[in-house]
Amino acid sequence: MSRVLVAMSGGVDSSVAAALLVDEGHEVIGVTMKTFCYSDIPAHGKTCCGLDGIMDAKRVASTLGIPHYVFDVEEDFTRDVIDDFVSEYARGRTPNPCVRCNSNTKFRDLLARGHALGCDRIATGHYVRVTHSDEGTALLRGLDDGKDQSYFLWGLPQEMLPKLLFPVGELTKSKVRERARTLELTTADKPESQEICFVPTGDYRDLLRKRLGPVHPALEPGTIVRADGTLVGEHSGFAGFTVGQRRGLGGGFPEPMFVIEVRPETKEVVVGTRDELFGSAVAVRELNWLTDTPSPGDAVRVQLRYRAPAVQATVVDVTGGEMRLALGDAQRAITPGQSAVLFNGDRVLGGGRIV
């Protein structure tokens, strides 16, 4: 058995991940990452990464009889995740901060600090699996279709995979809670965290106003137009809109309207009908591969949103740091800033950011 560093957020999944590793005989060290300053955040206990989460993780570690530490990664998290989040919205895009955190802060920092503590492996409570063979290590979807989190992990460095453990990836959520109750862990019935951890108000525009200031093009008034340029309304800041959005567009339309594009250079929000919301091609940058790079003509499946199903696609081109995909069937609300994650069956091939 080995010494394993387990990331413990204070939720039930990471709690059970630590418990399973203890049962297997590993020497387990629990850690919680302090990602941002809590002093000016009301109701911090609601977030998975708040002070309440730290205390719950400590209680679970005590129950399991393992040491627990808190790592302060606020500086890296602010640079890699929060600043990126704000910058993306200021560019008219819709970021996914959990992808960014996993790719740039969480696992990288865990691995570095784990080495300092003499740990051979890193573990988290993500619902994914890893398999090992003569052909290398593969990252697979979790067995629980409703909880699979492989979408968030496409940005991991390929060389890191052999060092990772995902103990709950073989379980369903109900089994995880059942195990936590059996062990009488304080997190057994803790509700899921649905909000962005650094946006506790639930409205990301509060953060944008605070970080960008009152005078910024992304928060200034602009126009709502149709694809042909026809003026149909006004808005108070394009950063408050994302592709696929229906609310906040005003009324008076003969049929439901949706945001189909955000144009930061002109501060225009483009709206259209449900049919106009569909697209059959995707361009992706900031690519990362957990296998060999796909080639033009390769058939893959691609997932364009966390809760969206993976759909059939063909790689058209991969050059100059950009991949272009042709979709087998047109997809709704292809959103710049979100992730496009490629799969072969359950195996994660890699992915990138939609542009």
Protein backbone atom coordinates (compact mmCIF):
# COMPACT_ATOMS: atom_id res chain seq x y z
CA MET A 1 0.00 0.00 0.00
CA SER A 2 1.06 3.61 -0.52
CA ARG A 3 0.80 7.01 1.13
CA VAL A 4 -2.07 8.92 -0.52
CA LEU A 5 -2.99 12.59 -0.34
CA VAL A 6 -6.79 12.96 -0.50
CA ALA A 7 -8.45 16.26 -1.42
CA MET A 8 -11.33 16.68 1.06
CA SER A 9 -13.77 19.46 0.22
CA GLY A 10 -16.04 18.75 3.16
CA GLY A 11 -18.58 16.97 0.97
CA VAL A 12 -19.74 13.36 1.10
CA ASP A 13 -17.91 12.22 -2.06
CA SER A 14 -14.41 13.14 -0.93
CA SER A 15 -15.20 11.92 2.59
CA VAL A 16 -16.06 8.46 1.30
CA ALA A 17 -13.08 8.50 -1.07
CA ALA A 18 -10.82 8.94 1.97
CA ALA A 19 -12.70 6.24 3.90
CA LEU A 20 -12.37 3.71 1.08
CA LEU A 21 -8.63 4.27 0.86
CA VAL A 22 -8.27 3.83 4.62
CA ASP A 23 -10.19 0.55 4.36
CA GLU A 24 -7.83 -0.60 1.61
CA GLY A 25 -4.88 -0.11 3.94
CA HIS A 26 -3.35 3.02 2.45
CA GLU A 27 -1.67 5.62 4.62
CA VAL A 28 -4.05 8.52 4.00
CA ILE A 29 -3.47 12.23 4.53
CA GLY A 30 -6.48 14.53 4.12
CA VAL A 31 -6.15 18.07 2.80
CA THR A 32 -8.57 20.90 2.11
CA MET A 33 -7.68 23.72 -0.23
CA LYS A 34 -8.46 27.27 0.89
CA THR A 35 -9.11 28.87 -2.46
CA PHE A 36 -10.33 32.38 -1.61
CA CYS A 37 -10.77 34.85 1.24
CA TYR A 38 -13.94 34.24 3.26
CA SER A 39 -13.87 37.40 5.40
CA ASP A 40 -16.22 39.45 3.21
CA ILE A 41 -18.47 36.64 2.01
CA PRO A 42 -21.86 36.20 3.73
CA ALA A 43 -23.28 32.74 4.37
CA HIS A 44 -19.95 31.16 3.49
CA GLY A 45 -21.11 27.82 4.85
CA LYS A 46 -23.21 27.20 1.74
CA THR A 47 -20.21 26.73 -0.52
CA CYS A 48 -18.28 23.49 -0.91
CA CYS A 49 -14.99 25.35 -0.42
CA GLY A 50 -16.06 27.61 2.44
CA LEU A 51 -15.12 27.54 6.11
CA ASP A 52 -17.97 25.14 6.83
CA GLY A 53 -16.42 22.72 4.32
CA ILE A 54 -13.06 22.93 6.05
CA MET A 55 -14.61 22.10 9.41
CA ASP A 56 -16.60 19.19 7.98
CA ALA A 57 -13.45 17.79 6.37
CA LYS A 58 -11.63 18.03 9.71
CA ARG A 59 -14.46 16.18 11.45
CA VAL A 60 -14.41 13.38 8.87
CA ALA A 61 -10.62 13.10 9.10
CA SER A 62 -10.90 12.80 12.86
CA THR A 63 -13.53 10.06 12.52
CA LEU A 64 -11.28 8.16 10.10
CA GLY A 65 -8.20 8.68 12.29
CA ILE A 66 -6.16 10.42 9.59
CA PRO A 67 -4.21 13.71 9.68
CA HIS A 68 -5.78 16.73 8.00
CA TYR A 69 -4.18 19.89 6.66
CA VAL A 70 -5.42 23.09 5.04
CA PHE A 71 -3.48 24.36 2.02
CA ASP A 72 -3.76 28.06 1.17
CA VAL A 73 -3.90 28.29 -2.63
CA GLU A 74 -5.75 31.62 -2.78
CA GLU A 75 -3.14 33.36 -4.92
CA ASP A 76 -3.03 30.64 -7.59
CA PHE A 77 -6.80 30.17 -7.52
CA THR A 78 -7.41 33.89 -7.95
CA ARG A 79 -5.02 34.08 -10.91
CA ASP A 80 -6.00 30.84 -12.66
CA VAL A 81 -9.73 30.67 -11.94
CA ILE A 82 -11.33 33.90 -10.71
CA ASP A 83 -9.35 36.26 -12.97
CA ASP A 84 -10.00 33.96 -15.92
CA PHE A 85 -13.72 33.79 -15.06
CA VAL A 86 -14.00 37.57 -15.06
CA SER A 87 -11.89 37.96 -18.19
CA GLU A 88 -13.97 35.45 -20.14
CA TYR A 89 -17.27 37.15 -19.34
CA ALA A 90 -15.68 40.50 -20.27
CA ARG A 91 -14.95 38.94 -23.68
CA GLY A 92 -18.55 37.84 -24.15
CA ARG A 93 -17.82 34.19 -23.38
CA THR A 94 -19.21 31.79 -20.75
CA PRO A 95 -16.45 30.06 -18.74
CA ASN A 96 -16.61 26.88 -16.68
CA PRO A 97 -14.60 27.60 -13.51
CA CYS A 98 -14.60 23.97 -12.31
CA VAL A 99 -12.78 22.90 -15.48
CA ARG A 100 -10.30 25.71 -15.03
CA CYS A 101 -9.71 24.86 -11.35
CA ASN A 102 -9.06 21.19 -12.04
CA SER A 103 -6.81 21.90 -15.01
CA ASN A 104 -4.72 24.69 -13.51
CA THR A 105 -4.91 24.77 -9.71
CA LYS A 106 -6.30 21.80 -7.83
CA PHE A 107 -4.43 18.78 -9.18
CA ARG A 108 -1.21 20.63 -9.95
CA ASP A 109 -0.99 21.98 -6.41
CA LEU A 110 -2.05 18.69 -4.83
CA LEU A 111 0.66 16.81 -6.68
CA ALA A 112 3.38 19.27 -5.69
CA ARG A 113 2.38 19.32 -2.03
CA GLY A 114 1.81 15.59 -2.00
CA HIS A 115 5.39 15.04 -3.08
CA ALA A 116 6.54 17.30 -0.22
CA LEU A 117 4.61 15.09 2.21
CA GLY A 118 6.02 11.90 0.73
CA CYS A 119 2.76 10.85 -0.96
CA ASP A 120 2.91 8.51 -3.95
CA ARG A 121 -0.63 9.12 -5.18
CA ILE A 122 -3.32 11.80 -5.22
CA ALA A 123 -7.03 11.03 -4.74
CA THR A 124 -10.26 13.02 -5.07
CA GLY A 125 -13.98 12.34 -4.85
CA HIS A 126 -14.65 12.82 -8.57
CA TYR A 127 -16.98 10.34 -10.28
CA VAL A 128 -14.48 9.13 -12.87
CA ARG A 129 -12.30 6.04 -13.29
CA VAL A 130 -8.74 5.29 -14.31
CA THR A 131 -7.52 2.05 -15.83
CA HIS A 132 -3.99 0.86 -16.41
CA SER A 133 -2.69 -1.36 -19.21
CA ASP A 134 0.40 -1.91 -21.34
CA GLU A 135 -0.90 0.89 -23.57
CA GLY A 136 -0.92 3.38 -20.69
CA THR A 137 -3.38 4.90 -18.25
CA ALA A 138 -6.87 5.87 -19.43
CA LEU A 139 -9.38 8.26 -17.88
CA LEU A 140 -12.95 6.91 -18.11
CA ARG A 141 -16.41 8.14 -17.28
CA GLY A 142 -17.77 7.30 -13.82
CA LEU A 143 -20.15 4.36 -13.62
CA ASP A 144 -22.99 6.58 -12.31
CA ASP A 145 -24.26 8.29 -15.46
CA GLY A 146 -26.05 10.91 -13.40
CA LYS A 147 -22.88 11.92 -11.54
CA ASP A 148 -20.11 11.34 -14.10
CA GLN A 149 -17.62 14.24 -13.86
CA SER A 150 -15.21 13.39 -16.66
CA TYR A 151 -16.31 16.57 -18.46
CA PHE A 152 -14.40 18.61 -15.85
CA LEU A 153 -11.09 16.75 -16.12
CA TRP A 154 -10.08 16.90 -19.79
CA GLY A 155 -7.40 19.47 -18.96
CA LEU A 156 -5.31 17.22 -16.70
CA PRO A 157 -1.73 16.65 -17.85
CA GLN A 158 -1.48 13.19 -19.40
CA GLU A 159 1.61 12.33 -17.37
CA MET A 160 -0.33 12.91 -14.14
CA LEU A 161 -2.92 10.17 -14.76
CA PRO A 162 -0.90 7.22 -13.38
CA LYS A 163 -0.63 9.05 -10.05
CA LEU A 164 -4.37 9.62 -9.57
CA LEU A 165 -6.98 7.63 -7.68
CA PHE A 166 -10.75 8.13 -7.89
CA PRO A 167 -12.23 5.74 -5.31
CA VAL A 168 -15.91 6.64 -5.80
CA GLY A 169 -15.80 6.39 -9.60
CA GLU A 170 -16.97 2.78 -9.42
CA LEU A 171 -19.95 3.66 -7.20
CA THR A 172 -23.32 5.34 -7.56
CA LYS A 173 -24.17 8.40 -5.51
CA SER A 174 -26.70 6.42 -3.47
CA LYS A 175 -24.02 3.85 -2.59
CA VAL A 176 -21.66 6.62 -1.55
CA ARG A 177 -24.21 8.10 0.83
CA GLU A 178 -25.04 4.63 2.15
CA ARG A 179 -21.37 4.03 2.91
CA ALA A 180 -21.07 7.41 4.64
CA ARG A 181 -24.08 6.64 6.84
CA THR A 182 -22.64 3.25 7.78
CA LEU A 183 -19.43 4.97 8.86
CA GLU A 184 -21.44 7.69 10.64
CA LEU A 185 -19.63 10.44 8.76
CA THR A 186 -20.92 13.95 9.44
CA THR A 187 -21.18 14.61 5.70
CA ALA A 188 -23.41 11.59 4.94
CA ASP A 189 -26.54 13.62 4.21
CA LYS A 190 -24.92 16.93 3.35
CA PRO A 191 -26.72 18.48 0.34
CA GLU A 192 -25.00 19.01 -2.99
CA SER A 193 -23.39 22.40 -3.59
CA GLN A 194 -24.96 23.93 -6.70
CA GLU A 195 -23.38 27.38 -6.73
CA ILE A 196 -20.00 28.63 -7.91
CA CYS A 197 -17.88 28.56 -4.76
CA PHE A 198 -16.55 32.12 -5.15
CA VAL A 199 -19.98 33.56 -6.11
CA PRO A 200 -22.01 32.85 -2.96
CA THR A 201 -24.71 35.40 -3.86
CA GLY A 202 -25.67 33.14 -6.76
CA ASP A 203 -25.36 36.00 -9.27
CA TYR A 204 -22.02 36.07 -11.10
CA ARG A 205 -22.73 39.64 -12.20
CA ASP A 206 -22.14 40.77 -8.60
CA LEU A 207 -18.58 39.49 -8.91
CA LEU A 208 -18.13 41.11 -12.34
CA ARG A 209 -19.25 44.49 -11.03
CA LYS A 210 -16.87 44.20 -8.10
CA ARG A 211 -13.87 43.06 -10.18
CA LEU A 212 -14.39 45.09 -13.36
CA GLY A 213 -15.59 48.29 -11.73
CA PRO A 214 -18.64 50.39 -12.57
CA VAL A 215 -17.22 51.61 -15.91
CA HIS A 216 -16.36 48.72 -18.19
CA PRO A 217 -17.58 47.97 -21.73
CA ALA A 218 -18.92 44.57 -20.65
CA LEU A 219 -21.23 46.27 -18.14
CA GLU A 220 -22.27 49.25 -20.24
CA PRO A 221 -25.57 49.56 -22.13
CA GLY A 222 -25.76 48.15 -25.63
CA THR A 223 -28.23 46.93 -28.19
CA ILE A 224 -30.16 43.72 -28.72
CA VAL A 225 -30.34 42.89 -32.41
CA ARG A 226 -31.38 40.14 -34.79
CA ALA A 227 -28.77 38.35 -36.90
CA ASP A 228 -29.45 40.72 -39.81
CA GLY A 229 -28.75 43.76 -37.61
CA THR A 230 -32.38 44.73 -36.95
CA LEU A 231 -32.60 46.58 -33.61
CA VAL A 232 -35.09 44.97 -31.23
CA GLY A 233 -34.08 46.25 -27.80
CA GLU A 234 -31.41 47.41 -25.37
CA HIS A 235 -29.46 45.78 -22.56
CA SER A 236 -27.47 46.98 -19.54
CA GLY A 237 -24.30 44.98 -20.21
CA PHE A 238 -23.45 42.09 -22.54
CA ALA A 239 -21.63 40.24 -19.74
CA GLY A 240 -25.06 39.39 -18.35
CA PHE A 241 -25.91 37.20 -21.34
CA THR A 242 -24.87 33.77 -22.56
CA VAL A 243 -25.73 31.77 -25.66
CA GLY A 244 -29.03 29.93 -25.19
CA GLN A 245 -30.38 32.39 -22.63
CA ARG A 246 -34.05 33.34 -22.90
CA ARG A 247 -34.64 35.59 -19.91
CA GLY A 248 -33.95 39.31 -19.96
CA LEU A 249 -34.60 39.81 -23.68
CA GLY A 250 -37.81 41.79 -23.37
CA GLY A 251 -41.12 40.94 -24.96
CA GLY A 252 -43.13 41.68 -28.04
CA PHE A 253 -41.74 38.88 -30.18
CA PRO A 254 -44.10 36.63 -32.16
CA GLU A 255 -42.18 33.56 -30.94
CA PRO A 256 -39.68 32.78 -28.16
CA MET A 257 -36.27 34.42 -28.61
CA PHE A 258 -32.88 33.21 -27.40
CA VAL A 259 -29.37 34.64 -27.30
CA ILE A 260 -27.52 33.20 -30.29
CA GLU A 261 -24.36 35.33 -30.12
CA VAL A 262 -22.61 37.94 -27.98
CA ARG A 263 -20.51 40.53 -29.85
CA PRO A 264 -18.26 42.28 -27.33
CA GLU A 265 -16.59 44.49 -29.95
CA THR A 266 -19.91 46.22 -30.71
CA LYS A 267 -21.62 45.48 -27.37
CA GLU A 268 -24.41 43.75 -29.27
CA VAL A 269 -26.43 40.80 -28.00
CA VAL A 270 -27.81 38.87 -30.96
CA VAL A 271 -31.10 37.05 -30.52
CA GLY A 272 -32.93 34.59 -32.71
CA THR A 273 -35.48 31.82 -32.84
CA ARG A 274 -35.02 28.33 -31.47
CA ASP A 275 -33.99 27.11 -34.94
CA GLU A 276 -31.26 29.79 -35.13
CA LEU A 277 -29.81 28.48 -31.88
CA PHE A 278 -28.58 25.26 -33.50
CA GLY A 279 -25.15 24.77 -35.06
CA SER A 280 -23.42 21.88 -36.84
CA ALA A 281 -19.74 22.85 -36.48
CA VAL A 282 -17.45 23.61 -33.53
CA ALA A 283 -14.04 25.28 -33.31
CA VAL A 284 -11.97 24.51 -30.18
CA ARG A 285 -8.70 25.93 -28.81
CA GLU A 286 -6.57 25.54 -25.65
CA LEU A 287 -6.40 21.85 -26.52
CA ASN A 288 -5.17 19.13 -24.19
CA TRP A 289 -4.91 15.43 -25.03
CA LEU A 290 -4.93 12.43 -22.69
CA THR A 291 -4.29 10.15 -25.69
CA ASP A 292 -2.66 10.66 -29.06
CA THR A 293 -3.95 13.72 -30.90
CA PRO A 294 -6.91 12.82 -33.14
CA SER A 295 -6.41 13.08 -36.89
CA PRO A 296 -8.65 14.62 -39.56
CA GLY A 297 -11.38 12.16 -40.48
CA ASP A 298 -11.46 10.47 -37.06
CA ALA A 299 -14.93 9.70 -35.71
CA VAL A 300 -15.37 10.75 -32.08
CA ARG A 301 -18.11 11.65 -29.64
CA VAL A 302 -18.09 15.16 -28.22
CA GLN A 303 -19.80 16.61 -25.16
CA LEU A 304 -20.41 20.36 -25.37
CA ARG A 305 -21.93 21.02 -21.93
CA TYR A 306 -21.74 19.26 -18.58
CA ARG A 307 -25.32 17.97 -18.64
CA ALA A 308 -25.46 17.47 -22.41
CA PRO A 309 -25.09 14.00 -23.96
CA ALA A 310 -22.03 13.24 -26.06
CA VAL A 311 -22.86 13.30 -29.77
CA GLN A 312 -21.24 11.90 -32.88
CA ALA A 313 -18.70 14.17 -34.61
CA THR A 314 -15.90 14.03 -37.15
CA VAL A 315 -12.53 15.75 -36.74
CA VAL A 316 -12.19 18.12 -39.70
CA ASP A 317 -8.80 19.64 -38.86
CA VAL A 318 -6.28 20.03 -36.03
CA THR A 319 -3.76 22.75 -36.89
CA GLY A 320 -2.31 25.86 -35.30
CA GLY A 321 -3.61 24.98 -31.86
CA GLU A 322 -7.20 24.75 -33.09
CA MET A 323 -9.46 21.79 -33.75
CA ARG A 324 -12.55 21.93 -35.93
CA LEU A 325 -15.35 19.39 -35.63
CA ALA A 326 -18.33 18.62 -37.84
CA LEU A 327 -21.30 17.42 -35.80
CA GLY A 328 -23.39 14.50 -36.97
CA ASP A 329 -26.53 16.30 -35.80
CA ALA A 330 -26.91 20.03 -35.18
CA GLN A 331 -26.65 20.93 -31.49
CA ARG A 332 -28.38 23.61 -29.46
CA ALA A 333 -26.56 26.57 -27.88
CA ILE A 334 -22.93 25.87 -28.73
CA THR A 335 -21.37 28.33 -26.29
CA PRO A 336 -17.94 30.00 -26.58
CA GLY A 337 -16.00 29.54 -23.35
CA GLN A 338 -17.54 26.19 -22.49
CA SER A 339 -15.62 22.93 -22.94
CA ALA A 340 -15.78 20.49 -25.82
CA VAL A 341 -14.69 17.09 -24.46
CA LEU A 342 -13.92 14.21 -26.83
CA PHE A 343 -14.63 10.56 -26.03
CA ASN A 344 -14.11 7.15 -27.54
CA GLY A 345 -16.76 5.15 -25.74
CA ASP A 346 -16.22 5.89 -22.04
CA ARG A 347 -12.61 6.96 -22.53
CA VAL A 348 -11.72 10.65 -22.37
CA LEU A 349 -9.52 11.57 -25.33
CA GLY A 350 -9.05 15.22 -24.36
CA GLY A 351 -10.71 18.50 -25.12
CA GLY A 352 -10.50 22.27 -25.25
CA ARG A 353 -12.43 25.52 -25.04
CA ILE A 354 -15.09 26.32 -27.59
CA VAL A 355 -14.34 29.48 -29.55
